[in-house]
Amino acid sequence: MEGAGNQARVQQAFITMLNLALHNINYPQISTILLREKNFLKALLKLMDHQHIVIRGKCILTFLLLFKLDFRWITVVQREIRFFNELDKLLKDNYKYVQCCLLCLADGVQDIIPTIFRTIVETLHIELERHSGAKQGSVLEDTKDLSNLEFASQGINEYGDFTEILMSPLFHATIFLDLTINPLIRSRLLSTPMI
């Protein structure tokens, strides 16, 4: 029994250190490192079912910090582990700490939604310009200033390499379908001022 208690303390300490690293911008390559770790998201999701409430809550906050670090984590997390579908289990959790962490996550996602919308609109605008230019027989060069986009066009920025999720201009739009299914996020999604 003592071994299990020590393991939970180590897990809690690890999640705490990870959250501090995600919160502190002094580790600019942390996204790249975590994206390359194949079992990171699955292990984090498994810890959300842990018997200790603090570990469950801190895992929720870890996801929130990932999303705040770079909104593209929402797409990665949803694609790999169906995160927002898994949150339904935690909505039934009776512990106030876990419920408070869920509310923080919902507020954080609500804050990120306008950024996702802006990115989708700007990407669609660029794609429409390219498409209309190609129809008229002229090919638009990539000289347009994309600095207004929330991420670099090649998918790599100081927070990591997200080139895999840039296959389609509407790739991030699919996240809204998943968000509307989750009861915790749905009401906040519909009340977002930008919508």
N, C-alpha and C. Protein backbone atom coordinates (compact mmCIF):
# COMPACT_ATOMS: atom_id res chain seq x y z
N MET A 1 0.83 -1.20 0.00
CA MET A 1 0.00 0.00 0.00
C MET A 1 0.87 1.26 0.00
N GLU A 2 1.97 1.20 0.70
CA GLU A 2 2.85 2.37 0.78
C GLU A 2 3.43 2.71 -0.59
N GLY A 3 3.71 1.69 -1.40
CA GLY A 3 4.25 1.91 -2.73
C GLY A 3 3.29 2.67 -3.62
N ALA A 4 1.99 2.36 -3.49
CA ALA A 4 0.98 3.05 -4.29
C ALA A 4 0.88 4.52 -3.90
N GLY A 5 1.00 4.81 -2.61
CA GLY A 5 0.96 6.19 -2.14
C GLY A 5 2.15 6.99 -2.63
N ASN A 6 3.33 6.35 -2.64
CA ASN A 6 4.52 7.03 -3.15
C ASN A 6 4.40 7.29 -4.64
N GLN A 7 3.84 6.33 -5.38
CA GLN A 7 3.68 6.50 -6.81
C GLN A 7 2.73 7.68 -7.11
N ALA A 8 1.66 7.80 -6.33
CA ALA A 8 0.73 8.91 -6.52
C ALA A 8 1.42 10.24 -6.23
N ARG A 9 2.28 10.28 -5.22
CA ARG A 9 3.01 11.52 -4.92
C ARG A 9 3.96 11.89 -6.04
N VAL A 10 4.62 10.90 -6.60
CA VAL A 10 5.53 11.15 -7.72
C VAL A 10 4.75 11.65 -8.92
N GLN A 11 3.61 11.02 -9.21
CA GLN A 11 2.78 11.46 -10.33
C GLN A 11 2.29 12.89 -10.12
N GLN A 12 1.86 13.20 -8.90
CA GLN A 12 1.38 14.55 -8.60
C GLN A 12 2.52 15.56 -8.73
N ALA A 13 3.69 15.22 -8.25
CA ALA A 13 4.84 16.12 -8.37
C ALA A 13 5.22 16.33 -9.83
N PHE A 14 5.17 15.26 -10.63
CA PHE A 14 5.49 15.39 -12.06
C PHE A 14 4.51 16.33 -12.76
N ILE A 15 3.22 16.14 -12.49
CA ILE A 15 2.21 16.99 -13.12
C ILE A 15 2.40 18.44 -12.68
N THR A 16 2.73 18.66 -11.42
CA THR A 16 2.97 20.01 -10.93
C THR A 16 4.15 20.65 -11.67
N MET A 17 5.23 19.91 -11.82
CA MET A 17 6.41 20.43 -12.53
C MET A 17 6.09 20.70 -14.00
N LEU A 18 5.33 19.81 -14.61
CA LEU A 18 4.94 20.00 -16.00
C LEU A 18 4.08 21.25 -16.13
N ASN A 19 3.15 21.44 -15.23
CA ASN A 19 2.29 22.63 -15.27
C ASN A 19 3.11 23.91 -15.09
N LEU A 20 4.09 23.86 -14.22
CA LEU A 20 4.96 25.03 -14.05
C LEU A 20 5.75 25.31 -15.33
N ALA A 21 6.23 24.27 -15.97
CA ALA A 21 6.98 24.44 -17.23
C ALA A 21 6.07 24.99 -18.33
N LEU A 22 4.82 24.51 -18.39
CA LEU A 22 3.89 25.00 -19.40
C LEU A 22 3.48 26.44 -19.14
N HIS A 23 3.41 26.80 -17.89
CA HIS A 23 3.00 28.16 -17.52
C HIS A 23 4.15 29.15 -17.74
N ASN A 24 5.36 28.68 -17.59
CA ASN A 24 6.54 29.53 -17.71
C ASN A 24 7.02 29.53 -19.16
N ILE A 25 7.03 30.67 -19.79
CA ILE A 25 7.39 30.76 -21.20
C ILE A 25 8.90 30.63 -21.40
N ASN A 26 9.66 30.39 -20.37
CA ASN A 26 11.11 30.24 -20.52
C ASN A 26 11.50 28.91 -21.15
N TYR A 27 10.55 28.06 -21.43
CA TYR A 27 10.80 26.77 -22.09
C TYR A 27 10.13 26.76 -23.46
N PRO A 28 10.67 27.50 -24.42
CA PRO A 28 9.97 27.67 -25.70
C PRO A 28 9.82 26.39 -26.52
N GLN A 29 10.64 25.39 -26.30
CA GLN A 29 10.55 24.17 -27.10
C GLN A 29 9.73 23.08 -26.43
N ILE A 30 9.00 23.40 -25.39
CA ILE A 30 8.27 22.36 -24.67
C ILE A 30 7.19 21.71 -25.53
N SER A 31 6.55 22.48 -26.40
CA SER A 31 5.52 21.88 -27.28
C SER A 31 6.14 20.85 -28.21
N THR A 32 7.27 21.18 -28.79
CA THR A 32 7.94 20.25 -29.70
C THR A 32 8.30 18.96 -28.97
N ILE A 33 8.83 19.09 -27.79
CA ILE A 33 9.22 17.92 -27.00
C ILE A 33 8.00 17.06 -26.69
N LEU A 34 6.92 17.69 -26.25
CA LEU A 34 5.71 16.95 -25.89
C LEU A 34 5.01 16.37 -27.11
N LEU A 35 5.05 17.08 -28.24
CA LEU A 35 4.44 16.55 -29.47
C LEU A 35 5.16 15.30 -29.95
N ARG A 36 6.45 15.22 -29.71
CA ARG A 36 7.23 14.06 -30.16
C ARG A 36 7.06 12.86 -29.24
N GLU A 37 6.58 13.08 -28.03
CA GLU A 37 6.39 11.99 -27.08
C GLU A 37 5.07 11.29 -27.40
N LYS A 38 5.16 10.09 -27.95
CA LYS A 38 3.98 9.40 -28.47
C LYS A 38 2.93 9.08 -27.41
N ASN A 39 3.33 8.77 -26.21
CA ASN A 39 2.39 8.34 -25.18
C ASN A 39 1.99 9.45 -24.21
N PHE A 40 2.44 10.67 -24.47
CA PHE A 40 2.18 11.77 -23.53
C PHE A 40 0.69 11.99 -23.31
N LEU A 41 -0.06 12.18 -24.37
CA LEU A 41 -1.48 12.49 -24.22
C LEU A 41 -2.28 11.32 -23.66
N LYS A 42 -1.94 10.11 -24.07
CA LYS A 42 -2.65 8.94 -23.54
C LYS A 42 -2.38 8.76 -22.05
N ALA A 43 -1.13 9.01 -21.64
CA ALA A 43 -0.79 8.89 -20.21
C ALA A 43 -1.50 9.97 -19.41
N LEU A 44 -1.55 11.17 -19.95
CA LEU A 44 -2.22 12.27 -19.26
C LEU A 44 -3.72 11.99 -19.15
N LEU A 45 -4.31 11.46 -20.20
CA LEU A 45 -5.72 11.10 -20.16
C LEU A 45 -5.99 10.00 -19.13
N LYS A 46 -5.07 9.05 -19.06
CA LYS A 46 -5.23 7.96 -18.08
C LYS A 46 -5.16 8.52 -16.65
N LEU A 47 -4.31 9.51 -16.43
CA LEU A 47 -4.21 10.12 -15.11
C LEU A 47 -5.47 10.91 -14.74
N MET A 48 -6.26 11.29 -15.74
CA MET A 48 -7.51 11.98 -15.44
C MET A 48 -8.53 11.04 -14.79
N ASP A 49 -8.29 9.75 -14.87
CA ASP A 49 -9.15 8.76 -14.21
C ASP A 49 -8.54 8.28 -12.90
N HIS A 50 -7.50 8.94 -12.43
CA HIS A 50 -6.79 8.52 -11.22
C HIS A 50 -7.70 8.60 -10.01
N GLN A 51 -7.43 7.79 -9.01
CA GLN A 51 -8.27 7.77 -7.81
C GLN A 51 -8.07 9.02 -6.94
N HIS A 52 -6.93 9.69 -7.06
CA HIS A 52 -6.67 10.90 -6.28
C HIS A 52 -7.22 12.12 -7.00
N ILE A 53 -8.04 12.89 -6.28
CA ILE A 53 -8.71 14.02 -6.91
C ILE A 53 -7.72 15.10 -7.35
N VAL A 54 -6.65 15.28 -6.61
CA VAL A 54 -5.68 16.33 -6.96
C VAL A 54 -5.02 16.01 -8.30
N ILE A 55 -4.71 14.75 -8.51
CA ILE A 55 -4.09 14.35 -9.79
C ILE A 55 -5.08 14.56 -10.93
N ARG A 56 -6.35 14.20 -10.72
CA ARG A 56 -7.36 14.42 -11.76
C ARG A 56 -7.48 15.90 -12.10
N GLY A 57 -7.56 16.72 -11.07
CA GLY A 57 -7.69 18.17 -11.29
C GLY A 57 -6.48 18.77 -11.97
N LYS A 58 -5.30 18.37 -11.54
CA LYS A 58 -4.08 18.92 -12.14
C LYS A 58 -3.93 18.49 -13.60
N CYS A 59 -4.41 17.32 -13.95
CA CYS A 59 -4.37 16.89 -15.35
C CYS A 59 -5.28 17.78 -16.20
N ILE A 60 -6.43 18.13 -15.67
CA ILE A 60 -7.33 19.04 -16.38
C ILE A 60 -6.62 20.37 -16.60
N LEU A 61 -5.94 20.86 -15.57
CA LEU A 61 -5.21 22.12 -15.70
C LEU A 61 -4.05 22.01 -16.67
N THR A 62 -3.45 20.83 -16.77
CA THR A 62 -2.37 20.62 -17.75
C THR A 62 -2.91 20.80 -19.16
N PHE A 63 -4.07 20.22 -19.44
CA PHE A 63 -4.67 20.40 -20.76
C PHE A 63 -4.97 21.88 -21.01
N LEU A 64 -5.49 22.57 -20.01
CA LEU A 64 -5.77 24.00 -20.15
C LEU A 64 -4.49 24.77 -20.49
N LEU A 65 -3.41 24.48 -19.79
CA LEU A 65 -2.15 25.17 -20.04
C LEU A 65 -1.61 24.86 -21.44
N LEU A 66 -1.79 23.64 -21.90
CA LEU A 66 -1.39 23.31 -23.27
C LEU A 66 -2.19 24.13 -24.27
N PHE A 67 -3.50 24.24 -24.04
CA PHE A 67 -4.36 24.99 -24.95
C PHE A 67 -3.99 26.47 -24.96
N LYS A 68 -3.65 27.00 -23.78
CA LYS A 68 -3.26 28.41 -23.71
C LYS A 68 -1.89 28.67 -24.32
N LEU A 69 -1.02 27.69 -24.23
CA LEU A 69 0.31 27.83 -24.82
C LEU A 69 0.20 27.99 -26.33
N ASP A 70 -0.63 27.16 -26.95
CA ASP A 70 -0.87 27.25 -28.38
C ASP A 70 -2.21 26.58 -28.65
N PHE A 71 -3.14 27.34 -29.23
CA PHE A 71 -4.49 26.82 -29.39
C PHE A 71 -4.53 25.56 -30.25
N ARG A 72 -3.51 25.32 -31.05
CA ARG A 72 -3.51 24.14 -31.91
C ARG A 72 -3.45 22.85 -31.10
N TRP A 73 -3.06 22.95 -29.83
CA TRP A 73 -3.09 21.76 -28.97
C TRP A 73 -4.51 21.21 -28.86
N ILE A 74 -5.52 22.09 -28.91
CA ILE A 74 -6.91 21.61 -28.83
C ILE A 74 -7.17 20.61 -29.96
N THR A 75 -6.74 20.95 -31.16
CA THR A 75 -6.95 20.08 -32.30
C THR A 75 -6.17 18.79 -32.16
N VAL A 76 -4.92 18.89 -31.72
CA VAL A 76 -4.08 17.69 -31.55
C VAL A 76 -4.69 16.77 -30.51
N VAL A 77 -5.07 17.33 -29.38
CA VAL A 77 -5.62 16.54 -28.27
C VAL A 77 -6.93 15.88 -28.67
N GLN A 78 -7.79 16.63 -29.33
CA GLN A 78 -9.07 16.06 -29.73
C GLN A 78 -8.89 14.97 -30.78
N ARG A 79 -7.97 15.19 -31.69
CA ARG A 79 -7.75 14.20 -32.74
C ARG A 79 -7.17 12.90 -32.17
N GLU A 80 -6.24 13.02 -31.23
CA GLU A 80 -5.55 11.82 -30.72
C GLU A 80 -6.33 11.07 -29.66
N ILE A 81 -6.97 11.79 -28.74
CA ILE A 81 -7.59 11.08 -27.61
C ILE A 81 -9.06 11.43 -27.39
N ARG A 82 -9.66 12.17 -28.31
CA ARG A 82 -11.08 12.53 -28.17
C ARG A 82 -11.34 13.15 -26.80
N PHE A 83 -10.54 14.14 -26.45
CA PHE A 83 -10.52 14.74 -25.12
C PHE A 83 -11.87 15.27 -24.68
N PHE A 84 -12.54 16.04 -25.52
CA PHE A 84 -13.79 16.65 -25.09
C PHE A 84 -14.90 15.61 -24.90
N ASN A 85 -14.78 14.49 -25.55
CA ASN A 85 -15.72 13.39 -25.31
C ASN A 85 -15.43 12.75 -23.96
N GLU A 86 -14.16 12.66 -23.59
CA GLU A 86 -13.77 12.06 -22.31
C GLU A 86 -14.15 12.94 -21.11
N LEU A 87 -14.30 14.24 -21.35
CA LEU A 87 -14.65 15.14 -20.25
C LEU A 87 -16.02 14.84 -19.67
N ASP A 88 -16.87 14.21 -20.44
CA ASP A 88 -18.21 13.88 -19.94
C ASP A 88 -18.15 13.05 -18.66
N LYS A 89 -17.17 12.17 -18.57
CA LYS A 89 -17.03 11.35 -17.35
C LYS A 89 -16.72 12.23 -16.14
N LEU A 90 -15.89 13.24 -16.35
CA LEU A 90 -15.49 14.10 -15.24
C LEU A 90 -16.60 15.06 -14.81
N LEU A 91 -17.56 15.30 -15.67
CA LEU A 91 -18.67 16.18 -15.29
C LEU A 91 -19.48 15.58 -14.15
N LYS A 92 -19.40 14.28 -13.99
CA LYS A 92 -20.13 13.59 -12.92
C LYS A 92 -19.33 13.50 -11.62
N ASP A 93 -18.09 13.98 -11.66
CA ASP A 93 -17.22 13.92 -10.48
C ASP A 93 -17.80 14.82 -9.38
N ASN A 94 -17.91 14.29 -8.17
CA ASN A 94 -18.53 15.02 -7.06
C ASN A 94 -17.58 15.95 -6.32
N TYR A 95 -16.30 15.86 -6.58
CA TYR A 95 -15.33 16.64 -5.81
C TYR A 95 -15.24 18.06 -6.34
N LYS A 96 -15.30 19.02 -5.43
CA LYS A 96 -15.31 20.43 -5.81
C LYS A 96 -14.02 20.84 -6.51
N TYR A 97 -12.89 20.28 -6.11
CA TYR A 97 -11.62 20.64 -6.74
C TYR A 97 -11.64 20.30 -8.23
N VAL A 98 -12.12 19.11 -8.56
CA VAL A 98 -12.20 18.69 -9.95
C VAL A 98 -13.19 19.57 -10.70
N GLN A 99 -14.32 19.89 -10.08
CA GLN A 99 -15.31 20.75 -10.72
C GLN A 99 -14.76 22.15 -10.98
N CYS A 100 -13.99 22.68 -10.03
CA CYS A 100 -13.36 24.00 -10.23
C CYS A 100 -12.35 23.96 -11.37
N CYS A 101 -11.59 22.88 -11.47
CA CYS A 101 -10.63 22.73 -12.57
C CYS A 101 -11.36 22.64 -13.91
N LEU A 102 -12.50 21.95 -13.93
CA LEU A 102 -13.30 21.87 -15.16
C LEU A 102 -13.83 23.24 -15.57
N LEU A 103 -14.26 24.03 -14.58
CA LEU A 103 -14.74 25.38 -14.89
C LEU A 103 -13.62 26.26 -15.43
N CYS A 104 -12.42 26.10 -14.86
CA CYS A 104 -11.25 26.85 -15.38
C CYS A 104 -10.97 26.44 -16.82
N LEU A 105 -11.06 25.15 -17.10
CA LEU A 105 -10.84 24.67 -18.46
C LEU A 105 -11.88 25.26 -19.41
N ALA A 106 -13.15 25.26 -19.00
CA ALA A 106 -14.22 25.80 -19.84
C ALA A 106 -13.99 27.29 -20.10
N ASP A 107 -13.61 28.05 -19.07
CA ASP A 107 -13.33 29.47 -19.26
C ASP A 107 -12.15 29.68 -20.20
N GLY A 108 -11.12 28.86 -20.05
CA GLY A 108 -9.95 28.98 -20.91
C GLY A 108 -10.27 28.67 -22.36
N VAL A 109 -11.07 27.64 -22.59
CA VAL A 109 -11.47 27.30 -23.95
C VAL A 109 -12.32 28.42 -24.53
N GLN A 110 -13.19 28.99 -23.72
CA GLN A 110 -14.02 30.11 -24.19
C GLN A 110 -13.15 31.28 -24.62
N ASP A 111 -12.07 31.53 -23.91
CA ASP A 111 -11.16 32.62 -24.27
C ASP A 111 -10.40 32.33 -25.57
N ILE A 112 -10.19 31.06 -25.87
CA ILE A 112 -9.42 30.66 -27.05
C ILE A 112 -10.29 30.62 -28.31
N ILE A 113 -11.57 30.44 -28.16
CA ILE A 113 -12.48 30.29 -29.31
C ILE A 113 -12.37 31.45 -30.31
N PRO A 114 -12.34 32.71 -29.89
CA PRO A 114 -12.18 33.79 -30.89
C PRO A 114 -10.88 33.69 -31.69
N THR A 115 -9.81 33.23 -31.07
CA THR A 115 -8.55 33.06 -31.78
C THR A 115 -8.69 32.00 -32.86
N ILE A 116 -9.37 30.92 -32.53
CA ILE A 116 -9.58 29.86 -33.52
C ILE A 116 -10.43 30.39 -34.67
N PHE A 117 -11.49 31.13 -34.36
CA PHE A 117 -12.33 31.70 -35.41
C PHE A 117 -11.53 32.64 -36.31
N ARG A 118 -10.74 33.53 -35.71
CA ARG A 118 -9.94 34.45 -36.51
C ARG A 118 -8.99 33.69 -37.43
N THR A 119 -8.37 32.67 -36.90
CA THR A 119 -7.42 31.88 -37.70
C THR A 119 -8.12 31.20 -38.86
N ILE A 120 -9.29 30.63 -38.61
CA ILE A 120 -10.04 29.96 -39.67
C ILE A 120 -10.45 30.98 -40.74
N VAL A 121 -10.96 32.13 -40.32
CA VAL A 121 -11.39 33.15 -41.28
C VAL A 121 -10.21 33.66 -42.10
N GLU A 122 -9.08 33.94 -41.45
CA GLU A 122 -7.91 34.43 -42.17
C GLU A 122 -7.36 33.38 -43.13
N THR A 123 -7.35 32.14 -42.70
CA THR A 123 -6.87 31.07 -43.57
C THR A 123 -7.80 30.89 -44.77
N LEU A 124 -9.10 30.92 -44.53
CA LEU A 124 -10.06 30.82 -45.63
C LEU A 124 -9.92 31.99 -46.60
N HIS A 125 -9.71 33.16 -46.06
CA HIS A 125 -9.53 34.34 -46.92
C HIS A 125 -8.32 34.16 -47.83
N ILE A 126 -7.23 33.70 -47.29
CA ILE A 126 -6.02 33.46 -48.09
C ILE A 126 -6.28 32.38 -49.13
N GLU A 127 -6.94 31.30 -48.71
CA GLU A 127 -7.23 30.22 -49.66
C GLU A 127 -8.17 30.68 -50.78
N LEU A 128 -9.15 31.51 -50.45
CA LEU A 128 -10.05 32.03 -51.47
C LEU A 128 -9.31 32.94 -52.45
N GLU A 129 -8.40 33.75 -51.94
CA GLU A 129 -7.59 34.60 -52.82
C GLU A 129 -6.73 33.75 -53.74
N ARG A 130 -6.15 32.70 -53.21
CA ARG A 130 -5.33 31.81 -54.04
C ARG A 130 -6.17 31.13 -55.10
N HIS A 131 -7.33 30.66 -54.68
CA HIS A 131 -8.22 29.96 -55.60
C HIS A 131 -8.74 30.89 -56.70
N SER A 132 -9.16 32.09 -56.33
CA SER A 132 -9.66 33.03 -57.33
C SER A 132 -8.54 33.49 -58.25
N GLY A 133 -7.33 33.62 -57.73
CA GLY A 133 -6.18 33.98 -58.55
C GLY A 133 -5.82 32.89 -59.53
N ALA A 134 -5.94 31.65 -59.11
CA ALA A 134 -5.64 30.51 -59.99
C ALA A 134 -6.68 30.40 -61.10
N LYS A 135 -7.95 30.72 -60.79
CA LYS A 135 -9.00 30.67 -61.80
C LYS A 135 -8.78 31.73 -62.89
N GLN A 136 -8.24 32.88 -62.50
CA GLN A 136 -8.02 33.96 -63.46
C GLN A 136 -6.74 33.77 -64.24
N GLY A 137 -6.04 32.67 -64.00
CA GLY A 137 -4.83 32.38 -64.75
C GLY A 137 -3.57 32.93 -64.11
N SER A 138 -3.69 33.66 -63.04
CA SER A 138 -2.48 34.15 -62.37
C SER A 138 -2.32 33.41 -61.06
N VAL A 139 -1.13 33.04 -60.76
CA VAL A 139 -0.85 32.33 -59.53
C VAL A 139 -0.34 33.33 -58.51
N LEU A 140 -1.01 33.36 -57.37
CA LEU A 140 -0.56 34.26 -56.32
C LEU A 140 0.73 33.74 -55.70
N GLU A 141 1.64 34.63 -55.51
CA GLU A 141 2.88 34.24 -54.85
C GLU A 141 2.66 34.30 -53.35
N ASP A 142 3.51 33.63 -52.63
CA ASP A 142 3.40 33.61 -51.17
C ASP A 142 4.08 34.83 -50.57
N THR A 143 3.83 35.99 -51.16
CA THR A 143 4.44 37.21 -50.65
C THR A 143 3.52 37.93 -49.68
N LYS A 144 2.32 37.45 -49.53
CA LYS A 144 1.37 38.09 -48.62
C LYS A 144 1.89 37.98 -47.19
N ASP A 145 1.73 39.04 -46.46
CA ASP A 145 2.18 39.07 -45.08
C ASP A 145 1.22 38.24 -44.23
N LEU A 146 1.70 37.14 -43.72
CA LEU A 146 0.86 36.26 -42.91
C LEU A 146 1.07 36.50 -41.41
N SER A 147 1.72 37.59 -41.06
CA SER A 147 2.02 37.82 -39.66
C SER A 147 0.76 38.03 -38.83
N ASN A 148 -0.36 38.34 -39.48
CA ASN A 148 -1.61 38.52 -38.75
C ASN A 148 -2.23 37.19 -38.34
N LEU A 149 -1.79 36.11 -38.98
CA LEU A 149 -2.30 34.80 -38.60
C LEU A 149 -1.81 34.46 -37.20
N GLU A 150 -2.53 33.60 -36.53
CA GLU A 150 -2.15 33.21 -35.18
C GLU A 150 -0.98 32.25 -35.17
N PHE A 151 -0.63 31.68 -36.30
CA PHE A 151 0.51 30.79 -36.37
C PHE A 151 1.18 30.97 -37.72
N ALA A 152 2.42 30.61 -37.80
CA ALA A 152 3.18 30.76 -39.04
C ALA A 152 2.64 29.79 -40.09
N SER A 153 2.71 30.18 -41.35
CA SER A 153 2.12 29.37 -42.42
C SER A 153 2.75 27.99 -42.53
N GLN A 154 4.00 27.86 -42.20
CA GLN A 154 4.64 26.55 -42.31
C GLN A 154 4.36 25.68 -41.10
N GLY A 155 3.71 26.21 -40.08
CA GLY A 155 3.31 25.38 -38.94
C GLY A 155 4.32 25.30 -37.83
N ILE A 156 5.45 25.94 -37.99
CA ILE A 156 6.48 25.87 -36.95
C ILE A 156 6.63 27.25 -36.34
N ASN A 157 6.56 27.32 -35.04
CA ASN A 157 6.86 28.57 -34.34
C ASN A 157 7.71 28.25 -33.13
N GLU A 158 7.93 29.22 -32.30
CA GLU A 158 8.81 28.98 -31.16
C GLU A 158 8.22 28.01 -30.14
N TYR A 159 6.94 27.69 -30.26
CA TYR A 159 6.31 26.77 -29.32
C TYR A 159 6.19 25.36 -29.83
N GLY A 160 6.60 25.08 -31.05
CA GLY A 160 6.57 23.71 -31.52
C GLY A 160 6.27 23.58 -32.99
N ASP A 161 6.30 22.36 -33.45
CA ASP A 161 6.08 22.03 -34.85
C ASP A 161 4.70 21.39 -34.98
N PHE A 162 3.79 22.12 -35.59
CA PHE A 162 2.42 21.65 -35.75
C PHE A 162 2.10 21.40 -37.22
N THR A 163 3.09 21.06 -38.03
CA THR A 163 2.87 20.93 -39.47
C THR A 163 1.85 19.85 -39.81
N GLU A 164 1.72 18.84 -38.98
CA GLU A 164 0.77 17.76 -39.29
C GLU A 164 -0.67 18.22 -39.32
N ILE A 165 -1.01 19.24 -38.54
CA ILE A 165 -2.41 19.65 -38.47
C ILE A 165 -2.76 20.75 -39.45
N LEU A 166 -1.83 21.09 -40.32
CA LEU A 166 -2.10 22.14 -41.30
C LEU A 166 -2.39 21.57 -42.68
N MET A 167 -2.96 20.38 -42.73
CA MET A 167 -3.22 19.74 -44.01
C MET A 167 -4.36 20.39 -44.76
N SER A 168 -5.28 21.01 -44.07
CA SER A 168 -6.45 21.60 -44.70
C SER A 168 -6.73 22.94 -44.03
N PRO A 169 -7.21 23.93 -44.79
CA PRO A 169 -7.53 25.21 -44.17
C PRO A 169 -8.66 25.11 -43.16
N LEU A 170 -9.47 24.07 -43.26
CA LEU A 170 -10.59 23.91 -42.33
C LEU A 170 -10.32 22.90 -41.22
N PHE A 171 -9.06 22.53 -41.06
CA PHE A 171 -8.74 21.51 -40.07
C PHE A 171 -9.20 21.91 -38.67
N HIS A 172 -9.01 23.18 -38.33
CA HIS A 172 -9.41 23.63 -36.98
C HIS A 172 -10.92 23.77 -36.84
N ALA A 173 -11.63 23.87 -37.95
CA ALA A 173 -13.08 24.03 -37.88
C ALA A 173 -13.74 22.79 -37.29
N THR A 174 -13.14 21.63 -37.48
CA THR A 174 -13.74 20.41 -36.95
C THR A 174 -13.82 20.42 -35.43
N ILE A 175 -12.95 21.19 -34.79
CA ILE A 175 -12.96 21.22 -33.33
C ILE A 175 -14.28 21.79 -32.82
N PHE A 176 -14.89 22.70 -33.57
CA PHE A 176 -16.16 23.27 -33.12
C PHE A 176 -17.27 22.24 -33.07
N LEU A 177 -17.25 21.29 -33.96
CA LEU A 177 -18.24 20.22 -33.91
C LEU A 177 -18.09 19.42 -32.62
N ASP A 178 -16.83 19.14 -32.26
CA ASP A 178 -16.59 18.39 -31.03
C ASP A 178 -16.93 19.21 -29.79
N LEU A 179 -16.67 20.50 -29.84
CA LEU A 179 -16.98 21.35 -28.69
C LEU A 179 -18.48 21.48 -28.46
N THR A 180 -19.25 21.46 -29.53
CA THR A 180 -20.70 21.61 -29.36
C THR A 180 -21.34 20.37 -28.77
N ILE A 181 -20.65 19.24 -28.81
CA ILE A 181 -21.17 18.01 -28.22
C ILE A 181 -21.01 18.01 -26.70
N ASN A 182 -19.95 18.62 -26.20
CA ASN A 182 -19.66 18.61 -24.77
C ASN A 182 -20.54 19.61 -24.03
N PRO A 183 -21.33 19.17 -23.05
CA PRO A 183 -22.24 20.08 -22.35
C PRO A 183 -21.53 21.20 -21.59
N LEU A 184 -20.34 20.93 -21.08
CA LEU A 184 -19.60 21.94 -20.33
C LEU A 184 -19.19 23.10 -21.23
N ILE A 185 -18.79 22.80 -22.44
CA ILE A 185 -18.26 23.80 -23.36
C ILE A 185 -19.36 24.41 -24.23
N ARG A 186 -20.37 23.63 -24.57
CA ARG A 186 -21.40 24.07 -25.52
C ARG A 186 -22.03 25.40 -25.13
N SER A 187 -22.46 25.54 -23.88
CA SER A 187 -23.13 26.78 -23.48
C SER A 187 -22.17 27.97 -23.57
N ARG A 188 -20.92 27.75 -23.24
CA ARG A 188 -19.93 28.83 -23.33
C ARG A 188 -19.60 29.14 -24.78
N LEU A 189 -19.57 28.14 -25.60
CA LEU A 189 -19.27 28.34 -27.02
C LEU A 189 -20.33 29.22 -27.66
N LEU A 190 -21.58 28.96 -27.35
CA LEU A 190 -22.66 29.74 -27.93
C LEU A 190 -22.76 31.14 -27.37
N SER A 191 -22.18 31.38 -26.19
CA SER A 191 -22.24 32.71 -25.60
C SER A 191 -20.98 33.53 -25.89
N THR A 192 -20.05 32.98 -26.65
CA THR A 192 -18.84 33.72 -26.98
C THR A 192 -19.21 34.92 -27.83
N PRO A 193 -18.74 36.12 -27.46
CA PRO A 193 -19.15 37.35 -28.16
C PRO A 193 -18.85 37.34 -29.66
N MET A 194 -17.81 36.68 -30.09
CA MET A 194 -17.43 36.70 -31.49
C MET A 194 -18.41 35.93 -32.36
N ILE A 195 -19.12 34.98 -31.78
CA ILE A 195 -20.07 34.17 -32.54
C ILE A 195 -21.29 35.03 -32.78
